[in-house]
Amino acid sequence: MARPDKAAAVAELVEDFKSADATVVTEYRGLTVTSIKELRRSLGIGTKYKVAKNTLVKIAAKEAGVEVDDALLTGPTAVAFVKGDSVAAAKSLKNFQKENPFLVIKGGVFEGKQVTTAEIMKLADLESREVLLAKLAGAMKASMAKAARAFDALRIKREAEAGAPAAPVEASTPAAEAAPVAEAVTAETTSQVAAEAQAETSAEPAQAESSTEPTENA
């Protein structure tokens, strides 16, 4: 490879390493061109599956600041640069390997850490982001439906209570509010009657004296 082509290839690989969420190193020895195309399609547009020379991959990984074990870079190498759902990519690689044993998954880098083949297989057994989001959406929908039913039950209960005869507390409220007024009126009336009675009592002796004086003078 000429030097300009080599520099361009390294620069492209450096960008791939930097932009990838996960990197999986594979060996494609024995796979046909058609099989590799099928693998690329199964990985989806979010993942780039690139055949590259080991020396270039080493240089690019170093320049990108990604640590790739040199032991992985032997034989015909193709690297899967995963963008997005790493679990889905791992599932695609695992499923493809079942039907195409020539594909060898060697290991890679996930979230900045080196991972083994076994760890990638475990990652593939997890539920994908789409499945988890679907389950979360289903759970939220169920919770909302349950809340809606509870709200309807509460509304029906409130409407039933509103249509029933007034509660004793509500009925007694006006009487309770009127009680202080009645007591005040009664007290005022009692005081007035007592005052009038006292005035009449005080006036009686005076009237008696005035009525007896002519008789004594006579």
C-alpha atoms as a PDB file:
ATOM      1  CA  MET A   1       0.000   0.000   0.000  1.00  0.00           C
ATOM      2  CA  ALA A   2       1.394   3.411  -0.994  1.00  0.00           C
ATOM      3  CA  ARG A   3       2.111   5.838   1.786  1.00  0.00           C
ATOM      4  CA  PRO A   4      -0.743   8.292   0.964  1.00  0.00           C
ATOM      5  CA  ASP A   5      -3.228   5.407   0.789  1.00  0.00           C
ATOM      6  CA  LYS A   6      -1.882   4.011   4.033  1.00  0.00           C
ATOM      7  CA  ALA A   7      -2.221   7.378   5.785  1.00  0.00           C
ATOM      8  CA  ALA A   8      -5.784   7.759   4.520  1.00  0.00           C
ATOM      9  CA  ALA A   9      -6.680   4.235   5.647  1.00  0.00           C
ATOM     10  CA  VAL A  10      -5.226   4.851   9.125  1.00  0.00           C
ATOM     11  CA  ALA A  11      -7.035   8.182   9.423  1.00  0.00           C
ATOM     12  CA  GLU A  12     -10.329   6.508   8.544  1.00  0.00           C
ATOM     13  CA  LEU A  13      -9.743   3.737  11.066  1.00  0.00           C
ATOM     14  CA  VAL A  14      -8.848   6.304  13.738  1.00  0.00           C
ATOM     15  CA  GLU A  15     -12.184   8.027  13.146  1.00  0.00           C
ATOM     16  CA  ASP A  16     -13.963   4.672  13.277  1.00  0.00           C
ATOM     17  CA  PHE A  17     -12.382   3.855  16.643  1.00  0.00           C
ATOM     18  CA  LYS A  18     -13.211   7.270  18.082  1.00  0.00           C
ATOM     19  CA  SER A  19     -16.836   7.299  16.961  1.00  0.00           C
ATOM     20  CA  ALA A  20     -17.633   3.678  17.867  1.00  0.00           C
ATOM     21  CA  ASP A  21     -19.483   2.773  21.064  1.00  0.00           C
ATOM     22  CA  ALA A  22     -18.001  -0.714  20.901  1.00  0.00           C
ATOM     23  CA  THR A  23     -15.446  -2.548  18.774  1.00  0.00           C
ATOM     24  CA  VAL A  24     -15.411  -6.258  17.996  1.00  0.00           C
ATOM     25  CA  VAL A  25     -12.394  -7.900  16.369  1.00  0.00           C
ATOM     26  CA  THR A  26     -13.144 -10.915  14.189  1.00  0.00           C
ATOM     27  CA  GLU A  27     -11.389 -13.280  11.820  1.00  0.00           C
ATOM     28  CA  TYR A  28     -13.189 -13.826   8.531  1.00  0.00           C
ATOM     29  CA  ARG A  29     -10.991 -16.572   7.080  1.00  0.00           C
ATOM     30  CA  GLY A  30     -13.163 -18.881   4.961  1.00  0.00           C
ATOM     31  CA  LEU A  31     -16.071 -16.443   4.573  1.00  0.00           C
ATOM     32  CA  THR A  32     -17.114 -15.613   1.020  1.00  0.00           C
ATOM     33  CA  VAL A  33     -17.709 -12.105  -0.220  1.00  0.00           C
ATOM     34  CA  THR A  34     -21.421 -12.843  -0.249  1.00  0.00           C
ATOM     35  CA  SER A  35     -21.315 -13.996   3.371  1.00  0.00           C
ATOM     36  CA  ILE A  36     -19.521 -10.819   4.447  1.00  0.00           C
ATOM     37  CA  LYS A  37     -22.167  -8.736   2.698  1.00  0.00           C
ATOM     38  CA  GLU A  38     -24.876 -10.653   4.552  1.00  0.00           C
ATOM     39  CA  LEU A  39     -23.091 -10.032   7.835  1.00  0.00           C
ATOM     40  CA  ARG A  40     -22.883  -6.320   7.105  1.00  0.00           C
ATOM     41  CA  ARG A  41     -26.619  -6.227   6.378  1.00  0.00           C
ATOM     42  CA  SER A  42     -27.416  -8.108   9.588  1.00  0.00           C
ATOM     43  CA  LEU A  43     -25.356  -5.646  11.632  1.00  0.00           C
ATOM     44  CA  GLY A  44     -27.374  -2.734  10.275  1.00  0.00           C
ATOM     45  CA  ILE A  45     -26.412   0.759   9.211  1.00  0.00           C
ATOM     46  CA  GLY A  46     -25.250   1.687  12.706  1.00  0.00           C
ATOM     47  CA  THR A  47     -22.308  -0.729  12.548  1.00  0.00           C
ATOM     48  CA  LYS A  48     -19.404  -0.670  10.109  1.00  0.00           C
ATOM     49  CA  TYR A  49     -17.777  -4.026   9.407  1.00  0.00           C
ATOM     50  CA  LYS A  50     -14.376  -3.331   7.889  1.00  0.00           C
ATOM     51  CA  VAL A  51     -11.622  -5.622   6.645  1.00  0.00           C
ATOM     52  CA  ALA A  52      -8.206  -4.102   7.481  1.00  0.00           C
ATOM     53  CA  LYS A  53      -4.572  -5.002   7.806  1.00  0.00           C
ATOM     54  CA  ASN A  54      -3.455  -5.782  11.350  1.00  0.00           C
ATOM     55  CA  THR A  55      -0.607  -3.248  11.263  1.00  0.00           C
ATOM     56  CA  LEU A  56      -2.979  -0.464  10.286  1.00  0.00           C
ATOM     57  CA  VAL A  57      -5.493  -1.443  12.964  1.00  0.00           C
ATOM     58  CA  LYS A  58      -2.716  -1.343  15.584  1.00  0.00           C
ATOM     59  CA  ILE A  59      -1.573   2.110  14.495  1.00  0.00           C
ATOM     60  CA  ALA A  60      -5.105   3.494  14.327  1.00  0.00           C
ATOM     61  CA  ALA A  61      -6.107   2.086  17.711  1.00  0.00           C
ATOM     62  CA  LYS A  62      -3.041   3.636  19.294  1.00  0.00           C
ATOM     63  CA  GLU A  63      -3.691   7.022  17.687  1.00  0.00           C
ATOM     64  CA  ALA A  64      -7.340   6.885  18.752  1.00  0.00           C
ATOM     65  CA  GLY A  65      -6.379   6.061  22.340  1.00  0.00           C
ATOM     66  CA  VAL A  66      -8.144   2.701  22.248  1.00  0.00           C
ATOM     67  CA  GLU A  67      -6.376  -0.269  23.776  1.00  0.00           C
ATOM     68  CA  VAL A  68      -6.668  -3.383  21.612  1.00  0.00           C
ATOM     69  CA  ASP A  69      -4.862  -6.545  22.638  1.00  0.00           C
ATOM     70  CA  ASP A  70      -2.188  -7.404  20.050  1.00  0.00           C
ATOM     71  CA  ALA A  71      -3.110 -11.068  20.439  1.00  0.00           C
ATOM     72  CA  LEU A  72      -6.423 -10.313  18.708  1.00  0.00           C
ATOM     73  CA  LEU A  73      -4.722  -8.918  15.622  1.00  0.00           C
ATOM     74  CA  THR A  74      -3.529 -12.104  13.954  1.00  0.00           C
ATOM     75  CA  GLY A  75      -4.729 -13.685  10.749  1.00  0.00           C
ATOM     76  CA  PRO A  76      -7.251 -12.076   8.371  1.00  0.00           C
ATOM     77  CA  THR A  77      -8.893  -9.391  10.492  1.00  0.00           C
ATOM     78  CA  ALA A  78     -12.195  -7.579  10.138  1.00  0.00           C
ATOM     79  CA  VAL A  79     -13.362  -5.134  12.775  1.00  0.00           C
ATOM     80  CA  ALA A  80     -16.975  -4.311  13.638  1.00  0.00           C
ATOM     81  CA  PHE A  81     -17.248  -0.674  14.710  1.00  0.00           C
ATOM     82  CA  VAL A  82     -20.554  -0.491  16.570  1.00  0.00           C
ATOM     83  CA  LYS A  83     -22.542   2.709  16.890  1.00  0.00           C
ATOM     84  CA  GLY A  84     -25.636   2.585  19.047  1.00  0.00           C
ATOM     85  CA  ASP A  85     -26.981  -0.639  20.522  1.00  0.00           C
ATOM     86  CA  SER A  86     -23.977  -2.854  21.300  1.00  0.00           C
ATOM     87  CA  VAL A  87     -26.235  -5.685  22.489  1.00  0.00           C
ATOM     88  CA  ALA A  88     -28.016  -5.848  19.126  1.00  0.00           C
ATOM     89  CA  ALA A  89     -24.664  -5.935  17.304  1.00  0.00           C
ATOM     90  CA  ALA A  90     -23.412  -8.738  19.557  1.00  0.00           C
ATOM     91  CA  LYS A  91     -26.616 -10.695  18.881  1.00  0.00           C
ATOM     92  CA  SER A  92     -26.154 -10.269  15.131  1.00  0.00           C
ATOM     93  CA  LEU A  93     -22.568 -11.524  15.287  1.00  0.00           C
ATOM     94  CA  LYS A  94     -23.527 -14.485  17.466  1.00  0.00           C
ATOM     95  CA  ASN A  95     -26.475 -15.466  15.278  1.00  0.00           C
ATOM     96  CA  PHE A  96     -24.407 -15.134  12.120  1.00  0.00           C
ATOM     97  CA  GLN A  97     -21.651 -17.283  13.627  1.00  0.00           C
ATOM     98  CA  LYS A  98     -24.155 -20.080  14.278  1.00  0.00           C
ATOM     99  CA  GLU A  99     -24.835 -20.379  10.570  1.00  0.00           C
ATOM    100  CA  ASN A 100     -21.311 -19.425   9.493  1.00  0.00           C
ATOM    101  CA  PRO A 101     -18.759 -21.138  11.757  1.00  0.00           C
ATOM    102  CA  PHE A 102     -15.898 -19.606   9.760  1.00  0.00           C
ATOM    103  CA  LEU A 103     -16.544 -16.313  11.511  1.00  0.00           C
ATOM    104  CA  VAL A 104     -14.360 -16.143  14.607  1.00  0.00           C
ATOM    105  CA  ILE A 105     -15.228 -13.580  17.274  1.00  0.00           C
ATOM    106  CA  LYS A 106     -11.956 -12.865  19.058  1.00  0.00           C
ATOM    107  CA  GLY A 107     -12.813 -10.087  21.497  1.00  0.00           C
ATOM    108  CA  GLY A 108     -12.951  -6.327  21.486  1.00  0.00           C
ATOM    109  CA  VAL A 109     -13.581  -3.144  23.398  1.00  0.00           C
ATOM    110  CA  PHE A 110     -16.852  -2.231  25.097  1.00  0.00           C
ATOM    111  CA  GLU A 111     -17.320   1.112  26.853  1.00  0.00           C
ATOM    112  CA  GLY A 112     -13.551   1.630  26.892  1.00  0.00           C
ATOM    113  CA  LYS A 113     -12.779  -1.764  28.415  1.00  0.00           C
ATOM    114  CA  GLN A 114     -11.371  -4.848  26.726  1.00  0.00           C
ATOM    115  CA  VAL A 115     -13.812  -7.735  26.531  1.00  0.00           C
ATOM    116  CA  THR A 116     -13.292 -11.393  25.747  1.00  0.00           C
ATOM    117  CA  THR A 117     -15.214 -13.624  23.372  1.00  0.00           C
ATOM    118  CA  ALA A 118     -17.148 -15.103  26.299  1.00  0.00           C
ATOM    119  CA  GLU A 119     -18.140 -11.645  27.509  1.00  0.00           C
ATOM    120  CA  ILE A 120     -19.366 -10.708  24.041  1.00  0.00           C
ATOM    121  CA  MET A 121     -21.470 -13.876  23.986  1.00  0.00           C
ATOM    122  CA  LYS A 122     -22.960 -12.945  27.356  1.00  0.00           C
ATOM    123  CA  LEU A 123     -23.657  -9.465  26.036  1.00  0.00           C
ATOM    124  CA  ALA A 124     -25.479 -11.044  23.095  1.00  0.00           C
ATOM    125  CA  ASP A 125     -27.753 -12.934  25.506  1.00  0.00           C
ATOM    126  CA  LEU A 126     -29.003  -9.709  27.061  1.00  0.00           C
ATOM    127  CA  GLU A 127     -32.175  -8.027  25.884  1.00  0.00           C
ATOM    128  CA  SER A 128     -31.596  -5.352  23.296  1.00  0.00           C
ATOM    129  CA  ARG A 129     -32.301  -1.692  23.883  1.00  0.00           C
ATOM    130  CA  GLU A 130     -35.395  -1.862  21.658  1.00  0.00           C
ATOM    131  CA  VAL A 131     -36.812  -4.784  23.631  1.00  0.00           C
ATOM    132  CA  LEU A 132     -36.153  -3.067  26.948  1.00  0.00           C
ATOM    133  CA  LEU A 133     -37.761   0.141  25.700  1.00  0.00           C
ATOM    134  CA  ALA A 134     -40.760  -1.834  24.457  1.00  0.00           C
ATOM    135  CA  LYS A 135     -41.122  -3.524  27.845  1.00  0.00           C
ATOM    136  CA  LEU A 136     -40.773  -0.188  29.614  1.00  0.00           C
ATOM    137  CA  ALA A 137     -43.409   1.333  27.359  1.00  0.00           C
ATOM    138  CA  GLY A 138     -45.705  -1.629  28.055  1.00  0.00           C
ATOM    139  CA  ALA A 139     -45.203  -1.291  31.799  1.00  0.00           C
ATOM    140  CA  MET A 140     -45.880   2.447  31.646  1.00  0.00           C
ATOM    141  CA  LYS A 141     -48.996   1.838  29.560  1.00  0.00           C
ATOM    142  CA  ALA A 142     -50.247  -0.726  32.075  1.00  0.00           C
ATOM    143  CA  SER A 143     -49.573   1.653  34.964  1.00  0.00           C
ATOM    144  CA  MET A 144     -51.410   4.466  33.185  1.00  0.00           C
ATOM    145  CA  ALA A 145     -54.367   2.177  32.489  1.00  0.00           C
ATOM    146  CA  LYS A 146     -54.460   1.137  36.146  1.00  0.00           C
ATOM    147  CA  ALA A 147     -54.318   4.760  37.253  1.00  0.00           C
ATOM    148  CA  ALA A 148     -57.110   5.644  34.819  1.00  0.00           C
ATOM    149  CA  ARG A 149     -59.308   2.878  36.233  1.00  0.00           C
ATOM    150  CA  ALA A 150     -58.636   4.061  39.770  1.00  0.00           C
ATOM    151  CA  PHE A 151     -59.468   7.622  38.753  1.00  0.00           C
ATOM    152  CA  ASP A 152     -62.736   6.498  37.143  1.00  0.00           C
ATOM    153  CA  ALA A 153     -63.673   4.556  40.271  1.00  0.00           C
ATOM    154  CA  LEU A 154     -62.967   7.591  42.431  1.00  0.00           C
ATOM    155  CA  ARG A 155     -64.963   9.838  40.108  1.00  0.00           C
ATOM    156  CA  ILE A 156     -67.941   7.468  40.164  1.00  0.00           C
ATOM    157  CA  LYS A 157     -67.771   7.346  43.955  1.00  0.00           C
ATOM    158  CA  ARG A 158     -67.667  11.146  44.214  1.00  0.00           C
ATOM    159  CA  GLU A 159     -70.577  11.488  41.827  1.00  0.00           C
ATOM    160  CA  ALA A 160     -72.573   8.959  43.840  1.00  0.00           C
ATOM    161  CA  GLU A 161     -71.821  10.837  47.046  1.00  0.00           C
ATOM    162  CA  ALA A 162     -72.820  14.126  45.454  1.00  0.00           C
ATOM    163  CA  GLY A 163     -76.189  12.675  44.395  1.00  0.00           C
ATOM    164  CA  ALA A 164     -76.952  11.220  47.873  1.00  0.00           C
ATOM    165  CA  PRO A 165     -78.790  13.144  50.685  1.00  0.00           C
ATOM    166  CA  ALA A 166     -76.700  15.717  52.451  1.00  0.00           C
ATOM    167  CA  ALA A 167     -74.423  14.328  55.079  1.00  0.00           C
ATOM    168  CA  PRO A 168     -75.316  14.978  58.748  1.00  0.00           C
ATOM    169  CA  VAL A 169     -72.340  17.257  59.148  1.00  0.00           C
ATOM    170  CA  GLU A 170     -73.486  19.422  56.269  1.00  0.00           C
ATOM    171  CA  ALA A 171     -77.090  19.509  57.558  1.00  0.00           C
ATOM    172  CA  SER A 172     -76.047  20.600  61.014  1.00  0.00           C
ATOM    173  CA  THR A 173     -73.792  23.336  59.804  1.00  0.00           C
ATOM    174  CA  PRO A 174     -76.473  26.043  59.419  1.00  0.00           C
ATOM    175  CA  ALA A 175     -77.898  25.198  62.864  1.00  0.00           C
ATOM    176  CA  ALA A 176     -74.449  25.322  64.342  1.00  0.00           C
ATOM    177  CA  GLU A 177     -73.847  28.697  62.750  1.00  0.00           C
ATOM    178  CA  ALA A 178     -77.259  29.964  63.978  1.00  0.00           C
ATOM    179  CA  ALA A 179     -76.768  28.759  67.571  1.00  0.00           C
ATOM    180  CA  PRO A 180     -74.535  31.647  68.695  1.00  0.00           C
ATOM    181  CA  VAL A 181     -77.027  34.149  67.226  1.00  0.00           C
ATOM    182  CA  ALA A 182     -79.944  32.519  69.013  1.00  0.00           C
ATOM    183  CA  GLU A 183     -78.038  32.494  72.258  1.00  0.00           C
ATOM    184  CA  ALA A 184     -77.188  36.165  71.838  1.00  0.00           C
ATOM    185  CA  VAL A 185     -80.827  37.072  71.110  1.00  0.00           C
ATOM    186  CA  THR A 186     -82.037  35.037  74.093  1.00  0.00           C
ATOM    187  CA  ALA A 187     -79.501  36.650  76.395  1.00  0.00           C
ATOM    188  CA  GLU A 188     -80.416  40.103  75.153  1.00  0.00           C
ATOM    189  CA  THR A 189     -84.129  39.438  75.575  1.00  0.00           C
ATOM    190  CA  THR A 190     -83.608  38.059  79.079  1.00  0.00           C
ATOM    191  CA  SER A 191     -81.578  41.084  80.099  1.00  0.00           C
ATOM    192  CA  GLN A 192     -84.191  43.430  78.714  1.00  0.00           C
ATOM    193  CA  VAL A 193     -87.031  41.680  80.513  1.00  0.00           C
ATOM    194  CA  ALA A 194     -85.057  41.668  83.762  1.00  0.00           C
ATOM    195  CA  ALA A 195     -84.361  45.392  83.434  1.00  0.00           C
ATOM    196  CA  GLU A 196     -88.016  46.194  82.785  1.00  0.00           C
ATOM    197  CA  ALA A 197     -89.069  44.068  85.734  1.00  0.00           C
ATOM    198  CA  GLN A 198     -86.570  45.814  87.985  1.00  0.00           C
ATOM    199  CA  ALA A 199     -87.821  49.206  86.832  1.00  0.00           C
ATOM    200  CA  GLU A 200     -91.421  48.269  87.550  1.00  0.00           C
ATOM    201  CA  THR A 201     -90.479  46.985  91.005  1.00  0.00           C
ATOM    202  CA  SER A 202     -88.664  50.202  91.849  1.00  0.00           C
ATOM    203  CA  ALA A 203     -91.644  52.281  90.772  1.00  0.00           C
ATOM    204  CA  GLU A 204     -94.219  50.467  92.966  1.00  0.00           C
ATOM    205  CA  PRO A 205     -93.130  51.882  96.415  1.00  0.00           C
ATOM    206  CA  ALA A 206     -93.177  55.401  95.065  1.00  0.00           C
ATOM    207  CA  GLN A 207     -96.689  54.987  93.775  1.00  0.00           C
ATOM    208  CA  ALA A 208     -97.745  53.505  97.109  1.00  0.00           C
ATOM    209  CA  GLU A 209     -96.412  56.519  99.077  1.00  0.00           C
ATOM    210  CA  SER A 210     -98.044  59.033  96.800  1.00  0.00           C
ATOM    211  CA  SER A 211    -101.348  57.238  97.120  1.00  0.00           C
ATOM    212  CA  THR A 212    -101.373  57.239 100.989  1.00  0.00           C
ATOM    213  CA  GLU A 213    -100.371  60.834 101.651  1.00  0.00           C
ATOM    214  CA  PRO A 214    -103.874  62.386 101.021  1.00  0.00           C
ATOM    215  CA  THR A 215    -105.425  59.905 103.370  1.00  0.00           C
ATOM    216  CA  GLU A 216    -103.065  60.875 106.198  1.00  0.00           C
ATOM    217  CA  ASN A 217    -103.653  64.587 105.567  1.00  0.00           C
ATOM    218  CA  ALA A 218    -107.374  63.972 105.691  1.00  0.00           C
END
